Amino acid sequence: MIKEFILPDIGEGVVECELVEWLVSEGDIVVEDQPIADVMTDKALVQIPAPHAGVIKKLHYKKGDVAKVHAPLYSVEMDDVAETKLSVEEAVNSASTQNYSSQDDASISAVSTAIEEFLLPDIGEGIVECELVDWLVKEGDMVVEDQPIADVMTDKALVQIPAIKSGKVVKLHYRKGQLAQVHSPLFAIEVEVESAPAAQAVSQPHAASADNAATGNDTLDVEGTLPSNGKALASPAVRRLARSYDIDLAKVPGTGKHGRVYKEDVERYRGGEAVKAKAAKAASSAEQIATPVSHLPDRVEPIRGVRAVMAKMMMESVSTIPHFTYCEELDLTELVALRESLKQRYSSDELKLTMMPFFMKAMSLALSQFPDINSRVNDDCTEQTFFASHNIGMAVDSKVGLLVPNVKDVQLKSILDVASEITRLTKDARSGRVSPQDLKGGTISISNIGALGGTVATPIINKPEVAIVALGKLQTLPRFNALGEVEARKIMQVSWSGDHRVIDGGTIARFCNLWKQYLEQPQEMLLAMH
């Protein structure tokens, strides 16, 4: 039987969309839930799945055409088994829809299945809403327990929401970029339930299909085997990223469940391909020089995710905190020599002995004598809280934006313990998967702009903290010694920003002098450690 696939509702008020790309060709054999096309509407890229298996007979639109909602998108030829399955599912879905409407969105019984709402759980202390960054599934997808469903952003943390049950996703309640409320429905999922004996005969075809998927007897098994035409499992955002790099997703090894391809997989694959392309690029450089460069159009993109959170926090910080900046020069010649002598002995995959652990430990020792620097002020500046814990944050330029994880209780840790925590946090932050707990509770921050080449800065305080320091790049510069002789020394410029409501220039200068003493004379720091 040849059946027309009708383009469904893909957004409230949306009546048409642009056909961005066909993911199949006429004559292809497709399986249920396989991605068929990418369409664009309301600045959102939506992936259309196949509701049933069959052979693609006709694609009704060309790439770039505008497709109409509720109009045929493509034609598919189904065999007798699929046709029988379709008839039973249509009957079941019809009964489910009527029952669902009569019970005000409550869980319903549809022969052997029921629709349940997944409520967005608590994802952080005091968090009441979060931004929907990316759906990792689409409506109609079959998911298994613990499979990632969505990425959400809150409190500068990217959190992945897993499925708590196996079933079929029937409704996604938010679009990408919208704010989702905690304890409210995030998506609806159709799960299997025990059905009455009278209903078992009707539910057998559907249940058998689910059993086949669970046991690997269907064309696309639960382990994520690719369909026969080699189409990869990936979100629209990942497909868009692959297209921007001109990468065939089918060639990218997926590390997610069911073989799902994530953005990290595409980036990793691209890195390998870049090495191969380097020689070809060098060979064609002469032709490229002769070829005129085309003028590219302007590009407008929404500010979302971590960048949006950072913009909001930074604007709030500079508009409510009176900043002042204090700069100093550090001679780190002795500290560099000490670190070099210890680096080979103590460095490993789990511990990178960089300069940062020394900066943090020295800062913690100085904070013990200057509690004003390790404090917080309430909004109307009537109370100041002095923290016993030294939770020192470090700004990390991650792939999702600026993150500031912090090392907890530095005052209780050794330099090696601090180094181990820094290594872990850096890896997590650069992958965009840092834990919300690691981002909360910071009391003071360090920004290492010198890693990118800067020397002096005016850093913005990470509210509600009251101080932040920017580390400049380490330079070898001439300086006079005690005998008036010129020596080559390891010099770093540091720039402090303080909250002038509770910190004055004298306080931060004295604090910085003590911190400087510990760094310039490492033996003093070791003697001060408990």
Protein backbone atom coordinates (compact mmCIF):
# COMPACT_ATOMS: atom_id res chain seq x y z
CA MET A 1 0.00 0.00 0.00
CA ILE A 2 1.29 3.50 -0.86
CA LYS A 3 0.49 6.03 1.85
CA GLU A 4 0.99 9.79 1.90
CA PHE A 5 2.86 11.14 4.92
CA ILE A 6 1.08 14.31 6.02
CA LEU A 7 3.33 17.03 7.51
CA PRO A 8 2.12 17.31 11.13
CA ASP A 9 1.82 20.38 13.37
CA ILE A 10 5.40 21.37 14.22
CA GLY A 11 4.74 24.45 16.32
CA GLU A 12 1.90 26.58 17.61
CA GLY A 13 0.56 28.78 14.78
CA VAL A 14 3.02 27.38 12.22
CA VAL A 15 1.36 26.73 8.83
CA GLU A 16 4.43 26.26 6.61
CA CYS A 17 8.15 25.58 6.79
CA GLU A 18 11.21 25.47 4.57
CA LEU A 19 12.52 22.07 3.43
CA VAL A 20 16.17 22.44 4.51
CA GLU A 21 17.43 18.97 3.60
CA TRP A 22 16.15 15.53 2.69
CA LEU A 23 17.88 12.85 4.77
CA VAL A 24 16.64 10.08 2.43
CA SER A 25 16.23 9.61 -1.32
CA GLU A 26 13.45 8.12 -3.45
CA GLY A 27 13.80 4.33 -3.38
CA ASP A 28 15.38 4.24 0.08
CA ILE A 29 14.14 1.67 2.61
CA VAL A 30 13.39 3.40 5.90
CA VAL A 31 12.51 2.13 9.37
CA GLU A 32 10.14 3.51 11.98
CA ASP A 33 11.40 6.71 13.67
CA GLN A 34 14.21 7.15 11.14
CA PRO A 35 14.93 10.85 10.37
CA ILE A 36 13.43 11.76 6.98
CA ALA A 37 13.92 15.52 6.58
CA ASP A 38 15.11 18.69 8.28
CA VAL A 39 12.69 21.61 8.06
CA MET A 40 13.08 25.19 9.27
CA THR A 41 10.36 27.20 10.98
CA ASP A 42 10.39 30.19 13.31
CA LYS A 43 14.23 30.08 13.34
CA ALA A 44 14.10 26.51 14.67
CA LEU A 45 15.42 23.48 12.81
CA VAL A 46 13.00 20.54 13.22
CA GLN A 47 13.67 16.94 12.25
CA ILE A 48 10.77 14.97 10.78
CA PRO A 49 10.81 11.20 11.60
CA ALA A 50 9.17 8.34 9.73
CA PRO A 51 6.12 7.04 11.62
CA HIS A 52 6.29 3.70 9.77
CA ALA A 53 8.75 1.51 7.88
CA GLY A 54 8.60 1.21 4.09
CA VAL A 55 10.08 2.30 0.76
CA ILE A 56 10.21 6.01 -0.15
CA LYS A 57 8.31 6.37 -3.45
CA LYS A 58 7.99 10.14 -3.89
CA LEU A 59 9.47 13.27 -2.27
CA HIS A 60 6.97 16.07 -2.88
CA TYR A 61 9.31 19.01 -2.31
CA LYS A 62 12.79 20.05 -3.42
CA LYS A 63 15.43 21.42 -1.09
CA GLY A 64 14.55 25.06 -0.33
CA ASP A 65 10.83 24.68 -1.12
CA VAL A 66 8.18 25.79 1.36
CA ALA A 67 6.16 22.81 2.66
CA LYS A 68 2.60 23.20 3.96
CA VAL A 69 1.47 21.80 7.31
CA HIS A 70 -1.27 19.12 6.91
CA ALA A 71 -0.22 18.59 3.27
CA PRO A 72 1.61 15.49 1.90
CA LEU A 73 5.37 15.63 2.46
CA TYR A 74 6.33 12.33 0.85
CA SER A 75 4.84 8.99 -0.25
CA VAL A 76 5.86 5.66 1.28
CA GLU A 77 5.05 2.12 0.20
CA MET A 78 4.39 -0.21 3.15
CA ASP A 79 4.18 -4.00 3.08
CA ASP A 80 1.19 -5.98 4.36
CA VAL A 81 2.63 -6.38 7.86
CA ALA A 82 3.28 -2.66 8.20
CA GLU A 83 -0.17 -1.90 6.81
CA THR A 84 -1.82 -4.15 9.39
CA LYS A 85 0.28 -2.61 12.14
CA LEU A 86 -0.68 0.87 10.95
CA SER A 87 -4.40 0.04 11.03
CA VAL A 88 -4.18 -1.28 14.59
CA GLU A 89 -2.06 1.70 15.76
CA GLU A 90 -4.46 4.20 14.20
CA ALA A 91 -7.34 2.58 16.06
CA VAL A 92 -5.40 2.57 19.32
CA ASN A 93 -4.24 6.18 18.87
CA SER A 94 -7.78 7.29 18.14
CA ALA A 95 -9.05 5.68 21.34
CA SER A 96 -6.09 7.10 23.27
CA THR A 97 -6.77 10.64 22.04
CA GLN A 98 -10.44 10.51 23.06
CA ASN A 99 -9.62 9.10 26.48
CA TYR A 100 -6.81 11.62 26.98
CA SER A 101 -9.09 14.57 26.17
CA SER A 102 -11.76 13.40 28.63
CA GLN A 103 -9.34 13.16 31.57
CA ASP A 104 -7.64 16.61 31.41
CA ASP A 105 -4.13 15.49 30.54
CA ALA A 106 -4.03 12.75 33.23
CA SER A 107 -2.32 9.42 32.61
CA ILE A 108 -4.53 7.34 30.32
CA SER A 109 -4.88 3.71 29.40
CA ALA A 110 -4.76 2.91 25.70
CA VAL A 111 -5.05 -0.85 25.49
CA SER A 112 -1.50 -1.83 26.54
CA THR A 113 0.01 1.65 26.87
CA ALA A 114 -0.49 4.83 28.89
CA ILE A 115 0.72 8.40 28.40
CA GLU A 116 2.61 9.83 31.36
CA GLU A 117 3.93 13.33 31.89
CA PHE A 118 7.62 13.64 32.81
CA LEU A 119 7.93 16.42 35.39
CA LEU A 120 11.14 18.46 35.32
CA PRO A 121 12.86 17.52 38.62
CA ASP A 122 14.80 19.71 41.04
CA ILE A 123 18.14 20.37 39.31
CA GLY A 124 19.72 22.69 41.83
CA GLU A 125 19.05 24.37 45.15
CA GLY A 126 16.66 27.29 44.65
CA ILE A 127 16.32 26.70 40.89
CA VAL A 128 12.74 27.24 39.67
CA GLU A 129 13.30 27.44 35.91
CA CYS A 130 15.88 26.65 33.25
CA GLU A 131 16.43 27.22 29.53
CA LEU A 132 15.79 24.35 27.11
CA VAL A 133 19.11 24.33 25.24
CA ASP A 134 18.63 21.29 23.02
CA TRP A 135 16.31 18.31 22.64
CA LEU A 136 18.27 15.08 22.18
CA VAL A 137 15.12 13.26 21.02
CA LYS A 138 12.09 14.17 18.95
CA GLU A 139 8.40 13.35 19.08
CA GLY A 140 7.86 9.75 18.00
CA ASP A 141 11.28 8.53 19.18
CA MET A 142 11.50 5.31 21.19
CA VAL A 143 13.69 5.88 24.25
CA VAL A 144 15.09 3.61 26.94
CA GLU A 145 15.57 4.21 30.64
CA ASP A 146 18.44 6.63 31.44
CA GLN A 147 18.71 7.76 27.80
CA PRO A 148 19.53 11.51 27.57
CA ILE A 149 16.40 13.44 26.59
CA ALA A 150 17.34 17.12 26.79
CA ASP A 151 20.09 19.59 27.68
CA VAL A 152 18.94 22.41 29.95
CA MET A 153 20.84 25.43 31.23
CA THR A 154 20.65 26.79 34.77
CA ASP A 155 22.97 28.75 37.02
CA LYS A 156 25.70 28.63 34.33
CA ALA A 157 25.51 24.82 34.28
CA LEU A 158 24.57 22.61 31.35
CA VAL A 159 22.53 19.72 32.78
CA GLN A 160 21.40 16.62 30.89
CA ILE A 161 17.93 15.28 31.71
CA PRO A 162 17.58 11.46 31.38
CA ALA A 163 14.46 9.38 30.80
CA ILE A 164 13.23 7.57 33.92
CA LYS A 165 11.20 5.06 31.89
CA SER A 166 11.36 3.38 28.51
CA GLY A 167 8.70 4.27 25.97
CA LYS A 168 7.74 6.50 23.08
CA VAL A 169 8.04 10.29 23.25
CA VAL A 170 4.65 11.67 22.18
CA LYS A 171 4.94 15.36 23.07
CA LEU A 172 7.75 17.85 23.76
CA HIS A 173 6.24 20.72 25.74
CA TYR A 174 8.93 23.33 25.07
CA ARG A 175 10.79 24.64 22.06
CA LYS A 176 14.53 25.20 22.00
CA GLY A 177 15.35 28.45 23.84
CA GLN A 178 12.21 28.52 25.99
CA LEU A 179 12.22 28.56 29.81
CA ALA A 180 11.01 25.32 31.42
CA GLN A 181 9.54 25.37 34.92
CA VAL A 182 10.70 22.95 37.63
CA HIS A 183 7.96 20.46 38.68
CA SER A 184 6.06 21.16 35.44
CA PRO A 185 5.66 18.68 32.53
CA LEU A 186 8.74 18.64 30.29
CA PHE A 187 7.58 15.97 27.85
CA ALA A 188 4.94 13.25 27.56
CA ILE A 189 5.93 9.62 27.09
CA GLU A 190 3.87 6.58 26.13
CA VAL A 191 4.81 3.60 28.32
CA GLU A 192 3.63 0.02 28.50
CA VAL A 193 1.18 -0.94 31.26
CA GLU A 194 -0.63 -4.10 32.21
CA SER A 195 -3.91 -4.21 30.31
CA ALA A 196 -7.20 -5.96 31.03
CA PRO A 197 -7.73 -9.43 29.46
CA ALA A 198 -10.42 -8.07 27.14
CA ALA A 199 -8.00 -5.55 25.71
CA GLN A 200 -5.07 -7.90 25.25
CA ALA A 201 -6.13 -9.11 21.82
CA VAL A 202 -6.20 -5.57 20.45
CA SER A 203 -2.85 -4.63 22.00
CA GLN A 204 -0.89 -7.66 20.78
CA PRO A 205 0.41 -6.14 17.51
CA HIS A 206 1.63 -3.04 19.35
CA ALA A 207 3.13 -5.03 22.22
CA ALA A 208 4.82 -7.41 19.80
CA SER A 209 6.40 -4.45 18.07
CA ALA A 210 7.72 -3.17 21.40
CA ASP A 211 9.05 -6.64 22.25
CA ASN A 212 10.84 -6.83 18.92
CA ALA A 213 12.49 -3.47 19.58
CA ALA A 214 13.58 -4.60 23.06
CA THR A 215 15.00 -7.92 21.89
CA GLY A 216 16.71 -6.63 18.77
CA ASN A 217 14.37 -8.33 16.25
CA ASP A 218 13.29 -5.07 14.61
CA THR A 219 15.29 -3.39 11.86
CA LEU A 220 16.64 -0.78 14.28
CA ASP A 221 17.56 -2.52 17.55
CA VAL A 222 17.97 -1.09 21.03
CA GLU A 223 21.76 -1.13 20.78
CA GLY A 224 21.57 1.60 18.15
CA THR A 225 22.50 -0.29 14.97
CA LEU A 226 22.36 2.09 12.05
CA PRO A 227 19.52 1.67 9.50
CA SER A 228 20.35 -0.07 6.26
CA ASN A 229 20.87 3.21 4.46
CA GLY A 230 23.47 4.34 7.04
CA LYS A 231 21.65 7.35 8.49
CA ALA A 232 23.09 8.42 11.85
CA LEU A 233 21.13 9.06 15.04
CA ALA A 234 21.67 12.70 16.00
CA SER A 235 19.82 15.82 17.11
CA PRO A 236 19.07 18.66 14.66
CA ALA A 237 21.76 20.79 16.28
CA VAL A 238 24.35 18.06 15.68
CA ARG A 239 23.22 17.62 12.08
CA ARG A 240 23.46 21.38 11.56
CA LEU A 241 26.99 21.38 13.02
CA ALA A 242 28.01 18.50 10.74
CA ARG A 243 26.63 20.33 7.70
CA SER A 244 28.57 23.46 8.65
CA TYR A 245 31.76 21.35 8.61
CA ASP A 246 30.65 19.47 5.45
CA ILE A 247 30.87 16.16 7.35
CA ASP A 248 28.84 13.04 6.52
CA LEU A 249 27.26 12.06 9.87
CA ALA A 250 27.04 8.42 8.80
CA LYS A 251 30.86 8.27 8.98
CA VAL A 252 31.08 9.73 12.49
CA PRO A 253 31.35 7.13 15.32
CA GLY A 254 28.66 7.91 17.91
CA THR A 255 29.46 7.55 21.62
CA GLY A 256 25.90 7.94 22.94
CA LYS A 257 23.30 5.30 23.64
CA HIS A 258 21.91 3.67 20.49
CA GLY A 259 25.00 4.97 18.68
CA ARG A 260 23.71 8.58 18.94
CA VAL A 261 26.19 11.13 17.61
CA TYR A 262 26.91 14.10 19.88
CA LYS A 263 28.59 17.41 19.08
CA GLU A 264 31.78 16.16 20.74
CA ASP A 265 31.86 13.22 18.31
CA VAL A 266 31.58 15.59 15.33
CA GLU A 267 34.34 17.84 16.71
CA ARG A 268 36.58 14.83 17.35
CA TYR A 269 35.97 13.48 13.84
CA ARG A 270 36.59 16.89 12.35
CA GLY A 271 39.94 17.11 14.14
CA GLY A 272 41.05 13.87 12.49
CA GLU A 273 39.88 14.99 9.08
CA ALA A 274 41.66 18.33 9.48
CA VAL A 275 45.02 16.56 9.57
CA LYS A 276 44.24 14.80 6.28
CA ALA A 277 43.01 18.00 4.68
CA LYS A 278 46.09 20.02 5.64
CA ALA A 279 48.28 18.59 2.88
CA ALA A 280 45.57 19.08 0.25
CA LYS A 281 45.07 22.65 1.39
CA ALA A 282 48.77 23.41 1.09
CA ALA A 283 48.88 21.92 -2.41
CA SER A 284 46.03 24.11 -3.62
CA SER A 285 47.20 27.32 -1.89
CA ALA A 286 48.42 28.84 -5.17
CA GLU A 287 44.98 28.42 -6.72
CA GLN A 288 43.30 29.82 -3.64
CA ILE A 289 45.42 32.97 -3.80
CA ALA A 290 44.36 33.54 -7.38
CA THR A 291 40.68 32.94 -6.61
CA PRO A 292 38.80 36.09 -5.58
CA VAL A 293 37.21 35.93 -2.10
CA SER A 294 33.42 36.13 -2.20
CA HIS A 295 31.64 38.63 0.04
CA LEU A 296 29.75 36.78 2.78
CA PRO A 297 26.41 38.12 4.05
CA ASP A 298 25.89 39.28 7.63
CA ARG A 299 24.74 36.58 10.05
CA VAL A 300 22.28 37.12 12.90
CA GLU A 301 22.13 34.50 15.66
CA PRO A 302 20.20 34.47 18.96
CA ILE A 303 22.21 34.68 22.19
CA ARG A 304 21.37 31.54 24.15
CA GLY A 305 22.66 29.09 26.72
CA VAL A 306 25.73 29.99 28.77
CA ARG A 307 26.34 33.15 26.72
CA ALA A 308 22.87 34.45 27.61
CA VAL A 309 23.35 33.63 31.30
CA MET A 310 26.79 35.29 31.26
CA ALA A 311 25.38 38.44 29.63
CA LYS A 312 22.67 38.69 32.28
CA MET A 313 25.05 38.09 35.21
CA MET A 314 27.73 40.50 33.95
CA MET A 315 25.18 43.24 33.32
CA GLU A 316 23.77 42.78 36.81
CA SER A 317 27.27 42.84 38.32
CA VAL A 318 28.45 46.10 36.71
CA SER A 319 25.12 47.84 37.31
CA THR A 320 24.89 47.01 41.05
CA ILE A 321 28.53 46.74 42.23
CA PRO A 322 30.88 49.77 42.28
CA HIS A 323 34.05 48.25 40.80
CA PHE A 324 37.60 49.50 41.28
CA THR A 325 40.77 47.96 39.84
CA TYR A 326 44.19 47.45 41.44
CA CYS A 327 47.21 46.17 39.47
CA GLU A 328 50.46 44.64 40.67
CA GLU A 329 53.55 42.93 39.28
CA LEU A 330 54.70 39.52 40.51
CA ASP A 331 58.20 38.08 40.17
CA LEU A 332 57.55 34.36 39.88
CA THR A 333 61.07 33.24 39.04
CA GLU A 334 61.44 31.10 42.18
CA LEU A 335 57.94 29.65 41.92
CA VAL A 336 58.46 28.69 38.27
CA ALA A 337 61.68 26.87 39.21
CA LEU A 338 59.91 25.04 42.06
CA ARG A 339 57.02 23.98 39.86
CA GLU A 340 59.39 22.75 37.12
CA SER A 341 61.27 20.61 39.63
CA LEU A 342 58.03 18.98 40.82
CA LYS A 343 56.08 18.77 37.55
CA GLN A 344 57.54 15.56 36.14
CA ARG A 345 57.31 13.72 39.44
CA TYR A 346 53.72 14.55 40.33
CA SER A 347 51.91 15.09 37.01
CA SER A 348 49.57 12.41 35.65
CA ASP A 349 46.34 12.12 33.67
CA GLU A 350 44.36 12.87 36.84
CA LEU A 351 46.68 15.63 38.09
CA LYS A 352 48.31 18.43 36.09
CA LEU A 353 50.67 20.45 38.26
CA THR A 354 50.16 23.88 36.66
CA MET A 355 50.76 27.27 38.28
CA MET A 356 47.09 27.58 39.28
CA PRO A 357 47.24 25.30 42.39
CA PHE A 358 50.01 27.52 43.81
CA PHE A 359 48.00 30.69 43.09
CA MET A 360 44.93 29.22 44.82
CA LYS A 361 46.78 27.92 47.88
CA ALA A 362 48.66 31.19 48.35
CA MET A 363 45.37 33.09 48.00
CA SER A 364 43.74 30.89 50.63
CA LEU A 365 46.57 31.58 53.08
CA ALA A 366 46.17 35.33 52.51
CA LEU A 367 42.38 35.17 52.83
CA SER A 368 42.75 33.82 56.36
CA GLN A 369 44.13 37.22 57.38
CA PHE A 370 41.82 39.33 55.20
CA PRO A 371 38.26 37.95 55.66
CA ASP A 372 36.71 40.98 53.89
CA ILE A 373 37.99 39.61 50.57
CA ASN A 374 36.22 36.27 51.18
CA SER A 375 32.77 37.63 51.92
CA ARG A 376 29.37 38.45 50.42
CA VAL A 377 27.05 41.47 50.73
CA ASN A 378 23.25 41.31 50.61
CA ASP A 379 21.34 43.26 47.93
CA ASP A 380 20.66 46.39 50.01
CA CYS A 381 24.17 46.31 51.52
CA THR A 382 22.96 46.04 55.13
CA GLU A 383 24.68 42.73 55.94
CA GLN A 384 28.05 41.19 55.14
CA THR A 385 28.62 37.43 55.37
CA PHE A 386 32.18 36.22 56.05
CA PHE A 387 32.77 32.72 54.70
CA ALA A 388 34.76 30.13 56.63
CA SER A 389 35.32 28.10 53.44
CA HIS A 390 37.66 29.31 50.72
CA ASN A 391 35.84 28.16 47.57
CA ILE A 392 38.07 29.62 44.87
CA GLY A 393 36.62 29.74 41.36
CA MET A 394 38.48 29.75 38.05
CA ALA A 395 37.04 31.07 34.80
CA VAL A 396 37.15 28.43 32.04
CA ASP A 397 36.59 29.25 28.37
CA SER A 398 34.49 26.15 27.57
CA LYS A 399 32.87 25.20 24.27
CA VAL A 400 29.45 26.29 25.60
CA GLY A 401 30.71 29.64 26.95
CA LEU A 402 32.33 31.04 30.08
CA LEU A 403 32.00 28.76 33.13
CA VAL A 404 33.38 29.41 36.63
CA PRO A 405 33.67 26.14 38.60
CA ASN A 406 35.27 26.41 42.03
CA VAL A 407 37.55 24.28 44.19
CA LYS A 408 35.83 23.78 47.54
CA ASP A 409 37.62 24.29 50.89
CA VAL A 410 41.05 25.18 49.52
CA GLN A 411 42.10 26.05 53.11
CA LEU A 412 41.84 22.34 54.00
CA LYS A 413 43.59 20.95 50.91
CA SER A 414 47.22 20.42 50.01
CA ILE A 415 48.66 21.84 46.79
CA LEU A 416 48.42 18.39 45.16
CA ASP A 417 44.79 18.03 46.27
CA VAL A 418 44.00 21.41 44.75
CA ALA A 419 45.82 20.44 41.54
CA SER A 420 43.76 17.25 41.26
CA GLU A 421 40.49 19.19 41.67
CA ILE A 422 41.57 21.79 39.10
CA THR A 423 42.34 19.04 36.58
CA ARG A 424 38.92 17.45 37.06
CA LEU A 425 37.00 20.73 36.90
CA THR A 426 38.86 21.89 33.80
CA LYS A 427 38.05 18.67 31.92
CA ASP A 428 34.38 18.83 32.92
CA ALA A 429 34.02 22.53 32.12
CA ARG A 430 35.64 22.30 28.69
CA SER A 431 33.26 19.45 27.77
CA GLY A 432 30.30 21.56 28.93
CA ARG A 433 29.24 18.88 31.44
CA VAL A 434 30.40 20.41 34.71
CA SER A 435 28.22 19.53 37.69
CA PRO A 436 25.93 22.28 39.06
CA GLN A 437 27.41 21.62 42.50
CA ASP A 438 30.86 22.57 41.21
CA LEU A 439 29.51 25.91 39.98
CA LYS A 440 27.73 26.90 43.20
CA GLY A 441 29.12 28.36 46.41
CA GLY A 442 32.14 30.23 45.05
CA THR A 443 33.61 32.94 47.33
CA ILE A 444 36.32 34.51 45.10
CA SER A 445 37.43 34.00 41.49
CA ILE A 446 40.58 33.86 39.34
CA SER A 447 40.57 34.58 35.59
CA ASN A 448 43.65 33.39 33.73
CA ILE A 449 43.60 35.76 30.75
CA GLY A 450 47.34 35.21 30.33
CA ALA A 451 46.63 31.79 28.85
CA LEU A 452 45.38 33.67 25.78
CA GLY A 453 48.11 36.30 25.79
CA GLY A 454 46.77 39.27 27.78
CA THR A 455 48.73 41.17 30.41
CA VAL A 456 46.43 43.69 32.15
CA ALA A 457 42.60 43.61 32.44
CA THR A 458 39.65 45.06 34.34
CA PRO A 459 37.81 41.86 35.31
CA ILE A 460 34.11 41.95 36.24
CA ILE A 461 33.22 40.57 39.67
CA ASN A 462 31.36 37.27 39.68
CA LYS A 463 28.39 38.47 41.74
CA PRO A 464 27.68 37.95 44.68
CA GLU A 465 31.42 37.66 45.33
CA VAL A 466 33.32 40.85 46.21
CA ALA A 467 36.66 40.35 44.42
CA ILE A 468 38.24 38.79 41.33
CA VAL A 469 41.78 38.74 39.96
CA ALA A 470 42.95 38.42 36.34
CA LEU A 471 46.33 36.76 35.78
CA GLY A 472 48.38 38.12 32.88
CA LYS A 473 50.74 36.08 30.76
CA LEU A 474 54.07 35.04 32.21
CA GLN A 475 56.89 36.96 30.53
CA THR A 476 60.67 36.87 30.74
CA LEU A 477 61.66 40.50 31.31
CA PRO A 478 64.83 42.36 32.46
CA ARG A 479 64.78 43.51 36.09
CA PHE A 480 67.41 44.91 38.48
CA ASN A 481 68.56 42.70 41.35
CA ALA A 482 69.71 43.85 44.80
CA LEU A 483 73.20 44.58 43.44
CA GLY A 484 71.87 46.79 40.65
CA GLU A 485 72.57 44.14 38.01
CA VAL A 486 70.10 43.37 35.23
CA GLU A 487 68.68 39.84 35.31
CA ALA A 488 66.12 37.94 33.29
CA ARG A 489 63.11 37.34 35.57
CA LYS A 490 59.73 35.61 35.20
CA ILE A 491 57.25 38.47 35.51
CA MET A 492 53.42 38.40 35.61
CA GLN A 493 51.00 41.32 35.81
CA VAL A 494 47.85 40.77 37.90
CA SER A 495 44.71 42.93 37.95
CA TRP A 496 42.26 42.95 40.85
CA SER A 497 38.68 44.21 40.80
CA GLY A 498 37.00 44.82 44.15
CA ASP A 499 33.55 45.74 45.46
CA HIS A 500 34.12 49.28 46.74
CA ARG A 501 31.15 49.03 49.10
CA VAL A 502 33.11 46.76 51.47
CA ILE A 503 36.71 46.78 50.17
CA ASP A 504 38.89 49.87 50.00
CA GLY A 505 42.14 50.36 48.16
CA GLY A 506 44.30 49.87 51.26
CA THR A 507 42.69 46.53 52.11
CA ILE A 508 43.14 45.01 48.69
CA ALA A 509 46.70 46.39 48.43
CA ARG A 510 47.71 44.80 51.75
CA PHE A 511 45.99 41.55 50.83
CA CYS A 512 47.70 41.48 47.42
CA ASN A 513 51.09 42.18 49.05
CA LEU A 514 50.70 39.13 51.31
CA TRP A 515 49.54 36.96 48.40
CA LYS A 516 52.51 38.25 46.40
CA GLN A 517 54.92 37.38 49.22
CA TYR A 518 53.74 33.78 49.27
CA LEU A 519 54.10 33.49 45.48
CA GLU A 520 57.44 35.23 45.13
CA GLN A 521 58.92 33.34 48.09
CA PRO A 522 57.43 29.80 47.91
CA GLN A 523 59.24 28.76 51.07
CA GLU A 524 57.13 31.30 53.00
CA MET A 525 53.99 29.68 51.61
CA LEU A 526 55.15 26.20 52.64
CA LEU A 527 55.94 27.39 56.16
CA ALA A 528 52.52 29.02 56.51
CA MET A 529 50.67 25.84 55.48
CA HIS A 530 49.24 23.75 58.32
